[in-house]
Amino acid sequence: MAGAGFDATARTLVVFEAVAQYLPADGVEPTFAWAGALPRGSRLVFTYLPGTVWRERPRASRRYGWLSAYEPAEVPALLARHGLTLREDVGAEAYPARYPQLHGRRLTLREIERVVLAEVAG
């Protein structure tokens, strides 16, 4: 990425949207580790499926190729292992009021997803 102009010494926003559930957990954690090694104040935004969704919808999990899910209560510790501090973990019910639009574009979150904002604590 440095060859493309990425400055690993600058605060960075990493958007990992609609990816985590399609990778096994051991494929997701390297992204958390990389983001956690960025400069203090860098942020990671990612969406994930709660474990209950994954367990309660096994046919959908196979159909859509979902390979991982996380328990919301375990997300802070998962992030902390990688140098990240949870700032927010929002479900679809609270998302529209919390994030009504960004740059004139209304962002959506499926009712089965959650979105996390984490920050490099340093």
Protein backbone atom coordinates (compact mmCIF):
# COMPACT_ATOMS: atom_id res chain seq x y z
CA MET A 1 0.00 0.00 0.00
CA ALA A 2 2.95 2.33 0.57
CA GLY A 3 3.63 2.17 -3.16
CA ALA A 4 0.15 3.54 -3.74
CA GLY A 5 0.73 6.47 -1.39
CA PHE A 6 -0.55 5.08 1.91
CA ASP A 7 1.19 6.74 4.87
CA ALA A 8 1.26 4.29 7.76
CA THR A 9 2.30 7.09 10.12
CA ALA A 10 -0.88 9.12 9.56
CA ARG A 11 -4.15 8.60 11.41
CA THR A 12 -6.30 6.37 9.24
CA LEU A 13 -9.93 5.36 8.91
CA VAL A 14 -10.34 1.70 7.99
CA VAL A 15 -13.76 0.66 6.67
CA PHE A 16 -14.33 -3.10 6.84
CA GLU A 17 -17.97 -3.19 5.83
CA ALA A 18 -19.87 -6.37 4.91
CA VAL A 19 -16.68 -8.44 4.93
CA ALA A 20 -16.24 -10.06 8.36
CA GLN A 21 -19.11 -12.54 8.04
CA TYR A 22 -17.69 -13.89 4.77
CA LEU A 23 -14.31 -14.75 6.29
CA PRO A 24 -13.46 -17.28 8.98
CA ALA A 25 -12.51 -15.66 12.30
CA ASP A 26 -8.83 -16.38 11.72
CA GLY A 27 -9.15 -14.45 8.46
CA VAL A 28 -10.74 -11.43 10.14
CA GLU A 29 -8.34 -10.98 13.01
CA PRO A 30 -5.32 -10.01 10.86
CA THR A 31 -7.29 -6.96 9.74
CA PHE A 32 -7.98 -6.06 13.38
CA ALA A 33 -4.28 -6.52 14.19
CA TRP A 34 -3.23 -4.34 11.24
CA ALA A 35 -5.73 -1.62 12.18
CA GLY A 36 -4.66 -1.79 15.83
CA ALA A 37 -1.04 -1.17 14.82
CA LEU A 38 -1.92 2.10 13.07
CA PRO A 39 -1.18 5.43 14.79
CA ARG A 40 -3.10 6.46 17.88
CA GLY A 41 -6.48 7.95 16.97
CA SER A 42 -6.91 5.80 13.85
CA ARG A 43 -10.33 4.24 13.59
CA LEU A 44 -11.85 1.00 12.37
CA VAL A 45 -15.48 0.72 11.29
CA PHE A 46 -16.79 -2.76 10.61
CA THR A 47 -20.06 -4.60 10.35
CA TYR A 48 -20.66 -8.06 11.72
CA LEU A 49 -23.33 -10.65 12.35
CA PRO A 50 -24.22 -11.38 15.97
CA GLY A 51 -23.73 -15.01 16.96
CA THR A 52 -27.46 -15.45 17.56
CA VAL A 53 -28.21 -14.65 13.90
CA TRP A 54 -25.64 -17.14 12.70
CA ARG A 55 -26.91 -19.91 15.00
CA GLU A 56 -30.61 -19.24 14.42
CA ARG A 57 -30.31 -19.08 10.62
CA PRO A 58 -28.16 -22.05 9.60
CA ARG A 59 -29.71 -22.29 6.13
CA ALA A 60 -29.09 -18.60 5.49
CA SER A 61 -25.53 -19.02 6.80
CA ARG A 62 -24.87 -21.75 4.23
CA ARG A 63 -26.78 -19.97 1.46
CA TYR A 64 -24.97 -16.66 1.87
CA GLY A 65 -21.61 -18.15 2.78
CA TRP A 66 -21.40 -16.64 6.25
CA LEU A 67 -18.34 -18.03 7.99
CA SER A 68 -18.12 -16.04 11.20
CA ALA A 69 -20.15 -14.14 13.75
CA TYR A 70 -19.41 -12.47 17.07
CA GLU A 71 -21.21 -12.11 20.34
CA PRO A 72 -21.65 -8.36 21.01
CA ALA A 73 -20.51 -8.82 24.62
CA GLU A 74 -17.22 -10.32 23.39
CA VAL A 75 -16.38 -7.63 20.82
CA PRO A 76 -14.65 -5.24 23.27
CA ALA A 77 -12.18 -7.95 24.39
CA LEU A 78 -11.61 -9.08 20.79
CA LEU A 79 -10.72 -5.54 19.78
CA ALA A 80 -8.59 -4.94 22.89
CA ARG A 81 -6.41 -7.95 21.99
CA HIS A 82 -5.48 -6.01 18.87
CA GLY A 83 -4.88 -2.59 20.42
CA LEU A 84 -8.33 -1.23 19.64
CA THR A 85 -10.89 0.31 21.99
CA LEU A 86 -14.60 -0.06 21.29
CA ARG A 87 -16.27 3.35 20.91
CA GLU A 88 -19.67 2.21 19.66
CA ASP A 89 -21.51 -0.98 18.73
CA VAL A 90 -24.89 -0.20 17.17
CA GLY A 91 -27.64 -2.46 15.86
CA ALA A 92 -30.09 -1.80 13.06
CA GLU A 93 -32.75 -0.52 15.47
CA ALA A 94 -30.57 2.41 16.63
CA TYR A 95 -28.54 2.94 13.48
CA PRO A 96 -30.87 5.22 11.45
CA ALA A 97 -31.27 7.72 14.30
CA ARG A 98 -27.57 7.62 15.21
CA TYR A 99 -26.29 7.87 11.63
CA PRO A 100 -29.09 9.44 9.54
CA GLN A 101 -26.92 10.25 6.53
CA LEU A 102 -23.35 10.82 5.49
CA HIS A 103 -22.44 13.31 2.78
CA GLY A 104 -26.05 13.39 1.63
CA ARG A 105 -26.27 9.60 1.33
CA ARG A 106 -28.50 7.60 3.64
CA LEU A 107 -26.59 4.56 4.79
CA THR A 108 -28.44 1.39 5.67
CA LEU A 109 -27.76 -1.51 7.97
CA ARG A 110 -29.58 -4.80 7.60
CA GLU A 111 -31.72 -5.78 10.57
CA ILE A 112 -29.39 -8.71 11.29
CA GLU A 113 -26.16 -6.68 11.34
CA ARG A 114 -24.31 -4.54 13.83
CA VAL A 115 -21.76 -1.82 13.14
CA VAL A 116 -18.74 -1.08 15.31
CA LEU A 117 -16.59 2.00 15.66
CA ALA A 118 -13.24 1.25 17.31
CA GLU A 119 -10.20 3.41 17.87
CA VAL A 120 -6.49 2.79 18.31
CA ALA A 121 -5.92 3.61 21.95
CA GLY A 122 -2.12 3.88 21.96
